[in-house]
Amino acid sequence: MKSYAIIFALIGVLFGCKKESVGIGSGELEDGIWVEATHRKDTLVFQSFENGNLWMTLYREREDRNGHQGPKIGAGPYDCKFTDGGISLYYTLSSYYHFNEYSFEHTGTKLRIGDFYEGTGTVKTFVQANR
């Protein structure tokens, strides 16, 4: 999982993405890395681009499926847009182009987001890893 995070971080640097802040909720969300607070196995990486697009990449632990190792379901890049009191996500690896709404709250070094990848209906808490 760490090697994937390093590769995507290097790709971002190579493409010249500059650090920007996106205003949401009660604070600002900067490009950065956020780790799930309880089990620390899932990681969110937010990256903003000069054209105004914001992407979020979910990194998950690996699992065995049919004798092959791969990331758990839901891992990969998401196109995201902030809405009033929430976040709208599109899983870019899906052939179905549709944004889904989830709850979203950001305060300081904590981020709370509706469970968009496991489907439990709960809210996941992430802590900022690069601060």
N, C-alpha and C. Protein backbone atom coordinates (compact mmCIF):
# COMPACT_ATOMS: atom_id res chain seq x y z
N MET A 1 0.83 -1.18 0.00
CA MET A 1 0.00 0.00 0.00
C MET A 1 0.88 1.25 0.00
N LYS A 2 1.98 1.20 0.76
CA LYS A 2 2.85 2.37 0.83
C LYS A 2 3.50 2.66 -0.52
N SER A 3 3.84 1.60 -1.27
CA SER A 3 4.48 1.82 -2.57
C SER A 3 3.52 2.52 -3.53
N TYR A 4 2.22 2.20 -3.47
CA TYR A 4 1.24 2.88 -4.32
C TYR A 4 1.14 4.35 -3.95
N ALA A 5 1.16 4.63 -2.66
CA ALA A 5 1.07 6.03 -2.22
C ALA A 5 2.26 6.83 -2.71
N ILE A 6 3.44 6.23 -2.66
CA ILE A 6 4.65 6.92 -3.11
C ILE A 6 4.59 7.16 -4.61
N ILE A 7 4.15 6.16 -5.36
CA ILE A 7 4.07 6.29 -6.82
C ILE A 7 3.11 7.42 -7.21
N PHE A 8 1.91 7.44 -6.60
CA PHE A 8 0.94 8.49 -6.94
C PHE A 8 1.43 9.87 -6.50
N ALA A 9 2.15 9.94 -5.39
CA ALA A 9 2.69 11.22 -4.95
C ALA A 9 3.73 11.72 -5.94
N LEU A 10 4.58 10.83 -6.42
CA LEU A 10 5.58 11.23 -7.40
C LEU A 10 4.95 11.66 -8.72
N ILE A 11 3.90 10.97 -9.14
CA ILE A 11 3.20 11.36 -10.36
C ILE A 11 2.65 12.77 -10.22
N GLY A 12 2.08 13.07 -9.06
CA GLY A 12 1.54 14.41 -8.82
C GLY A 12 2.60 15.48 -8.90
N VAL A 13 3.78 15.20 -8.35
CA VAL A 13 4.88 16.16 -8.40
C VAL A 13 5.36 16.34 -9.84
N LEU A 14 5.46 15.24 -10.57
CA LEU A 14 5.92 15.31 -11.95
C LEU A 14 5.00 16.12 -12.85
N PHE A 15 3.71 16.09 -12.58
CA PHE A 15 2.77 16.84 -13.41
C PHE A 15 2.63 18.29 -12.95
N GLY A 16 3.39 18.68 -11.97
CA GLY A 16 3.44 20.09 -11.59
C GLY A 16 2.21 20.60 -10.88
N CYS A 17 1.56 19.75 -10.11
CA CYS A 17 0.39 20.19 -9.36
C CYS A 17 0.86 21.11 -8.26
N LYS A 18 0.21 22.24 -8.14
CA LYS A 18 0.60 23.14 -7.08
C LYS A 18 -0.36 23.01 -5.91
N LYS A 19 0.14 23.34 -4.73
CA LYS A 19 -0.67 23.21 -3.53
C LYS A 19 -1.65 24.37 -3.46
N GLU A 20 -2.92 24.01 -3.35
CA GLU A 20 -3.97 25.01 -3.25
C GLU A 20 -4.89 24.62 -2.10
N SER A 21 -5.67 25.56 -1.65
CA SER A 21 -6.64 25.27 -0.60
C SER A 21 -8.04 25.33 -1.19
N VAL A 22 -8.88 24.44 -0.76
CA VAL A 22 -10.26 24.41 -1.20
C VAL A 22 -11.11 24.70 0.02
N GLY A 23 -11.87 25.78 -0.01
CA GLY A 23 -12.68 26.14 1.14
C GLY A 23 -13.89 25.24 1.30
N ILE A 24 -14.03 24.62 2.46
CA ILE A 24 -15.20 23.80 2.75
C ILE A 24 -15.50 23.87 4.23
N GLY A 25 -16.74 23.68 4.57
CA GLY A 25 -17.15 23.56 5.96
C GLY A 25 -16.60 24.64 6.85
N SER A 26 -16.01 24.22 7.97
CA SER A 26 -15.53 25.17 8.96
C SER A 26 -14.05 25.49 8.81
N GLY A 27 -13.42 25.04 7.76
CA GLY A 27 -12.00 25.31 7.57
C GLY A 27 -11.62 25.09 6.14
N GLU A 28 -10.34 24.97 5.90
CA GLU A 28 -9.88 24.74 4.55
C GLU A 28 -9.23 23.38 4.47
N LEU A 29 -9.47 22.70 3.38
CA LEU A 29 -8.89 21.40 3.14
C LEU A 29 -7.76 21.58 2.14
N GLU A 30 -6.55 21.33 2.57
CA GLU A 30 -5.42 21.47 1.68
C GLU A 30 -5.11 20.13 1.05
N ASP A 31 -4.42 20.17 -0.08
CA ASP A 31 -3.94 18.93 -0.65
C ASP A 31 -3.20 18.19 0.45
N GLY A 32 -3.50 16.93 0.60
CA GLY A 32 -2.83 16.22 1.66
C GLY A 32 -3.26 14.78 1.80
N ILE A 33 -2.69 14.16 2.80
CA ILE A 33 -2.90 12.74 3.07
C ILE A 33 -3.65 12.60 4.39
N TRP A 34 -4.70 11.76 4.36
CA TRP A 34 -5.54 11.53 5.52
C TRP A 34 -5.64 10.03 5.77
N VAL A 35 -5.41 9.59 7.01
CA VAL A 35 -5.41 8.17 7.37
C VAL A 35 -6.62 7.88 8.24
N GLU A 36 -7.31 6.77 7.96
CA GLU A 36 -8.48 6.36 8.75
C GLU A 36 -8.05 6.20 10.20
N ALA A 37 -8.79 6.81 11.11
CA ALA A 37 -8.35 6.95 12.50
C ALA A 37 -8.40 5.66 13.32
N THR A 38 -9.33 4.77 13.07
CA THR A 38 -9.49 3.59 13.92
C THR A 38 -8.52 2.46 13.57
N HIS A 39 -8.58 1.99 12.34
CA HIS A 39 -7.76 0.83 11.95
C HIS A 39 -6.49 1.22 11.21
N ARG A 40 -6.43 2.46 10.74
CA ARG A 40 -5.26 3.02 10.05
C ARG A 40 -4.83 2.17 8.84
N LYS A 41 -5.82 1.61 8.13
CA LYS A 41 -5.53 0.79 6.95
C LYS A 41 -5.99 1.44 5.65
N ASP A 42 -6.81 2.47 5.74
CA ASP A 42 -7.31 3.16 4.56
C ASP A 42 -6.77 4.59 4.57
N THR A 43 -6.40 5.07 3.38
CA THR A 43 -5.79 6.39 3.26
C THR A 43 -6.46 7.18 2.14
N LEU A 44 -6.76 8.45 2.40
CA LEU A 44 -7.29 9.36 1.39
C LEU A 44 -6.20 10.36 1.03
N VAL A 45 -6.04 10.61 -0.26
CA VAL A 45 -5.10 11.63 -0.73
C VAL A 45 -5.89 12.61 -1.59
N PHE A 46 -5.94 13.87 -1.16
CA PHE A 46 -6.62 14.91 -1.91
C PHE A 46 -5.59 15.66 -2.75
N GLN A 47 -5.97 15.94 -4.00
CA GLN A 47 -5.07 16.65 -4.90
C GLN A 47 -5.88 17.61 -5.76
N SER A 48 -5.53 18.89 -5.69
CA SER A 48 -6.22 19.88 -6.51
C SER A 48 -5.32 20.24 -7.69
N PHE A 49 -5.97 20.59 -8.79
CA PHE A 49 -5.25 20.91 -10.02
C PHE A 49 -5.50 22.37 -10.39
N GLU A 50 -4.64 22.90 -11.23
CA GLU A 50 -4.73 24.30 -11.61
C GLU A 50 -6.04 24.64 -12.33
N ASN A 51 -6.65 23.65 -12.97
CA ASN A 51 -7.91 23.92 -13.68
C ASN A 51 -9.12 23.90 -12.75
N GLY A 52 -8.89 23.72 -11.45
CA GLY A 52 -9.96 23.75 -10.46
C GLY A 52 -10.52 22.40 -10.08
N ASN A 53 -10.12 21.35 -10.78
CA ASN A 53 -10.58 20.00 -10.43
C ASN A 53 -9.94 19.54 -9.13
N LEU A 54 -10.69 18.75 -8.39
CA LEU A 54 -10.18 18.16 -7.16
C LEU A 54 -10.40 16.66 -7.24
N TRP A 55 -9.34 15.90 -6.99
CA TRP A 55 -9.42 14.44 -7.00
C TRP A 55 -9.06 13.92 -5.63
N MET A 56 -9.69 12.83 -5.29
CA MET A 56 -9.40 12.14 -4.05
C MET A 56 -9.08 10.69 -4.42
N THR A 57 -7.96 10.19 -3.95
CA THR A 57 -7.59 8.81 -4.21
C THR A 57 -7.67 8.03 -2.91
N LEU A 58 -8.35 6.89 -2.95
CA LEU A 58 -8.47 6.02 -1.78
C LEU A 58 -7.50 4.86 -1.94
N TYR A 59 -6.61 4.71 -0.96
CA TYR A 59 -5.69 3.58 -0.91
C TYR A 59 -6.18 2.64 0.18
N ARG A 60 -6.27 1.36 -0.15
CA ARG A 60 -6.74 0.36 0.81
C ARG A 60 -5.73 -0.77 0.93
N GLU A 61 -5.84 -1.54 2.02
CA GLU A 61 -4.95 -2.69 2.16
C GLU A 61 -5.24 -3.70 1.06
N ARG A 62 -4.32 -4.61 0.85
CA ARG A 62 -4.46 -5.61 -0.19
C ARG A 62 -5.18 -6.83 0.36
N GLU A 63 -5.85 -7.55 -0.55
CA GLU A 63 -6.55 -8.76 -0.17
C GLU A 63 -6.36 -9.82 -1.25
N ASP A 64 -6.60 -11.07 -0.89
CA ASP A 64 -6.49 -12.17 -1.84
C ASP A 64 -7.85 -12.40 -2.49
N ARG A 65 -7.88 -12.32 -3.83
CA ARG A 65 -9.10 -12.59 -4.58
C ARG A 65 -8.76 -13.57 -5.70
N ASN A 66 -9.35 -14.74 -5.62
CA ASN A 66 -9.12 -15.76 -6.64
C ASN A 66 -7.64 -16.07 -6.83
N GLY A 67 -6.90 -16.10 -5.73
CA GLY A 67 -5.49 -16.45 -5.78
C GLY A 67 -4.56 -15.32 -6.17
N HIS A 68 -5.07 -14.10 -6.31
CA HIS A 68 -4.25 -12.96 -6.69
C HIS A 68 -4.40 -11.85 -5.66
N GLN A 69 -3.31 -11.17 -5.38
CA GLN A 69 -3.32 -10.04 -4.46
C GLN A 69 -3.74 -8.77 -5.19
N GLY A 70 -4.63 -8.01 -4.58
CA GLY A 70 -5.05 -6.73 -5.15
C GLY A 70 -5.64 -5.87 -4.07
N PRO A 71 -5.80 -4.59 -4.35
CA PRO A 71 -6.39 -3.71 -3.33
C PRO A 71 -7.86 -4.06 -3.13
N LYS A 72 -8.35 -3.80 -1.93
CA LYS A 72 -9.75 -4.05 -1.64
C LYS A 72 -10.65 -3.20 -2.53
N ILE A 73 -11.89 -3.65 -2.67
CA ILE A 73 -12.88 -2.96 -3.49
C ILE A 73 -13.01 -1.50 -3.04
N GLY A 74 -13.14 -0.61 -4.00
CA GLY A 74 -13.32 0.81 -3.72
C GLY A 74 -12.05 1.62 -3.81
N ALA A 75 -10.89 0.96 -3.85
CA ALA A 75 -9.63 1.70 -3.95
C ALA A 75 -9.52 2.33 -5.32
N GLY A 76 -8.91 3.50 -5.37
CA GLY A 76 -8.68 4.16 -6.64
C GLY A 76 -9.07 5.63 -6.59
N PRO A 77 -9.05 6.28 -7.75
CA PRO A 77 -9.31 7.73 -7.82
C PRO A 77 -10.80 8.06 -7.89
N TYR A 78 -11.16 9.17 -7.25
CA TYR A 78 -12.52 9.70 -7.25
C TYR A 78 -12.47 11.17 -7.66
N ASP A 79 -13.35 11.55 -8.54
CA ASP A 79 -13.56 12.97 -8.85
C ASP A 79 -14.50 13.48 -7.76
N CYS A 80 -14.21 14.61 -7.18
CA CYS A 80 -15.07 15.07 -6.09
C CYS A 80 -15.42 16.55 -6.22
N LYS A 81 -16.60 16.85 -5.71
CA LYS A 81 -17.11 18.22 -5.68
C LYS A 81 -17.73 18.43 -4.31
N PHE A 82 -17.50 19.58 -3.74
CA PHE A 82 -18.08 19.87 -2.45
C PHE A 82 -19.44 20.52 -2.63
N THR A 83 -20.39 20.08 -1.81
CA THR A 83 -21.74 20.61 -1.83
C THR A 83 -22.04 21.20 -0.47
N ASP A 84 -23.21 21.79 -0.29
CA ASP A 84 -23.58 22.34 1.01
C ASP A 84 -23.68 21.21 2.02
N GLY A 85 -22.72 21.15 2.93
CA GLY A 85 -22.73 20.15 4.00
C GLY A 85 -22.34 18.75 3.58
N GLY A 86 -21.76 18.58 2.39
CA GLY A 86 -21.41 17.24 1.96
C GLY A 86 -20.36 17.23 0.87
N ILE A 87 -20.18 16.04 0.31
CA ILE A 87 -19.24 15.85 -0.78
C ILE A 87 -19.91 14.94 -1.80
N SER A 88 -19.67 15.22 -3.06
CA SER A 88 -20.21 14.43 -4.15
C SER A 88 -19.05 13.71 -4.82
N LEU A 89 -19.11 12.38 -4.90
CA LEU A 89 -18.00 11.58 -5.41
C LEU A 89 -18.39 10.76 -6.62
N TYR A 90 -17.46 10.68 -7.57
CA TYR A 90 -17.61 9.81 -8.74
C TYR A 90 -16.39 8.90 -8.79
N TYR A 91 -16.62 7.59 -8.70
CA TYR A 91 -15.55 6.60 -8.74
C TYR A 91 -15.12 6.45 -10.20
N THR A 92 -13.95 6.98 -10.54
CA THR A 92 -13.55 7.08 -11.93
C THR A 92 -13.21 5.74 -12.57
N LEU A 93 -13.05 4.67 -11.81
CA LEU A 93 -12.80 3.35 -12.38
C LEU A 93 -14.09 2.63 -12.76
N SER A 94 -15.21 3.26 -12.47
CA SER A 94 -16.51 2.69 -12.80
C SER A 94 -16.94 3.14 -14.19
N SER A 95 -17.64 2.27 -14.89
CA SER A 95 -18.15 2.64 -16.21
C SER A 95 -19.45 3.44 -16.10
N TYR A 96 -20.00 3.51 -14.89
CA TYR A 96 -21.25 4.24 -14.65
C TYR A 96 -20.91 5.65 -14.18
N TYR A 97 -21.12 6.64 -15.03
CA TYR A 97 -20.79 8.02 -14.68
C TYR A 97 -21.92 8.62 -13.85
N HIS A 98 -21.69 8.66 -12.54
CA HIS A 98 -22.70 9.19 -11.64
C HIS A 98 -22.02 9.63 -10.35
N PHE A 99 -22.34 10.83 -9.88
CA PHE A 99 -21.83 11.33 -8.61
C PHE A 99 -22.81 10.92 -7.51
N ASN A 100 -22.28 10.45 -6.39
CA ASN A 100 -23.09 10.10 -5.22
C ASN A 100 -22.75 11.06 -4.08
N GLU A 101 -23.76 11.43 -3.30
CA GLU A 101 -23.60 12.38 -2.20
C GLU A 101 -23.30 11.67 -0.89
N TYR A 102 -22.38 12.24 -0.10
CA TYR A 102 -22.02 11.70 1.21
C TYR A 102 -21.85 12.86 2.18
N SER A 103 -22.04 12.57 3.46
CA SER A 103 -21.81 13.60 4.47
C SER A 103 -20.31 13.88 4.54
N PHE A 104 -19.97 15.11 4.89
CA PHE A 104 -18.57 15.50 4.95
C PHE A 104 -18.40 16.64 5.94
N GLU A 105 -17.42 16.49 6.82
CA GLU A 105 -17.12 17.53 7.80
C GLU A 105 -15.62 17.56 8.02
N HIS A 106 -15.05 18.75 7.95
CA HIS A 106 -13.61 18.92 8.14
C HIS A 106 -13.36 19.97 9.21
N THR A 107 -12.65 19.57 10.26
CA THR A 107 -12.28 20.51 11.32
C THR A 107 -10.84 20.23 11.71
N GLY A 108 -9.98 21.20 11.48
CA GLY A 108 -8.57 21.07 11.86
C GLY A 108 -7.89 19.89 11.18
N THR A 109 -7.40 18.96 12.00
CA THR A 109 -6.69 17.81 11.46
C THR A 109 -7.56 16.56 11.40
N LYS A 110 -8.89 16.73 11.53
CA LYS A 110 -9.82 15.61 11.43
C LYS A 110 -10.79 15.82 10.29
N LEU A 111 -11.16 14.73 9.66
CA LEU A 111 -12.08 14.74 8.55
C LEU A 111 -13.07 13.60 8.77
N ARG A 112 -14.35 13.90 8.67
CA ARG A 112 -15.40 12.88 8.81
C ARG A 112 -16.17 12.82 7.50
N ILE A 113 -16.25 11.60 6.94
CA ILE A 113 -16.90 11.42 5.65
C ILE A 113 -17.78 10.18 5.69
N GLY A 114 -18.92 10.26 5.03
CA GLY A 114 -19.81 9.11 4.94
C GLY A 114 -19.10 7.95 4.26
N ASP A 115 -19.37 6.74 4.72
CA ASP A 115 -18.69 5.55 4.20
C ASP A 115 -19.09 5.32 2.74
N PHE A 116 -18.24 5.72 1.83
CA PHE A 116 -18.52 5.62 0.40
C PHE A 116 -17.93 4.35 -0.22
N TYR A 117 -17.10 3.61 0.51
CA TYR A 117 -16.42 2.48 -0.11
C TYR A 117 -16.74 1.12 0.49
N GLU A 118 -17.25 1.05 1.71
CA GLU A 118 -17.62 -0.23 2.29
C GLU A 118 -19.13 -0.42 2.36
N GLY A 119 -19.88 0.66 2.25
CA GLY A 119 -21.34 0.58 2.23
C GLY A 119 -21.97 0.26 3.58
N THR A 120 -21.32 0.61 4.67
CA THR A 120 -21.87 0.32 6.00
C THR A 120 -22.88 1.37 6.45
N GLY A 121 -22.90 2.51 5.78
CA GLY A 121 -23.82 3.57 6.17
C GLY A 121 -23.33 4.39 7.36
N THR A 122 -22.11 4.12 7.82
CA THR A 122 -21.55 4.86 8.95
C THR A 122 -20.74 6.05 8.45
N VAL A 123 -20.20 6.80 9.38
CA VAL A 123 -19.31 7.91 9.06
C VAL A 123 -17.90 7.49 9.47
N LYS A 124 -16.95 7.66 8.57
CA LYS A 124 -15.55 7.31 8.83
C LYS A 124 -14.79 8.57 9.25
N THR A 125 -13.90 8.42 10.21
CA THR A 125 -13.07 9.52 10.66
C THR A 125 -11.64 9.30 10.18
N PHE A 126 -11.05 10.34 9.60
CA PHE A 126 -9.68 10.30 9.12
C PHE A 126 -8.91 11.42 9.82
N VAL A 127 -7.61 11.20 10.05
CA VAL A 127 -6.74 12.21 10.64
C VAL A 127 -5.68 12.57 9.62
N GLN A 128 -5.26 13.83 9.64
CA GLN A 128 -4.30 14.31 8.67
C GLN A 128 -2.92 13.73 8.98
N ALA A 129 -2.30 13.12 7.98
CA ALA A 129 -1.02 12.44 8.17
C ALA A 129 0.16 13.34 7.90
N ASN A 130 -0.01 14.37 7.12
CA ASN A 130 1.13 15.20 6.74
C ASN A 130 1.19 16.51 7.51
N ARG A 131 0.70 16.51 8.73
CA ARG A 131 0.79 17.69 9.59
C ARG A 131 1.43 17.32 10.89
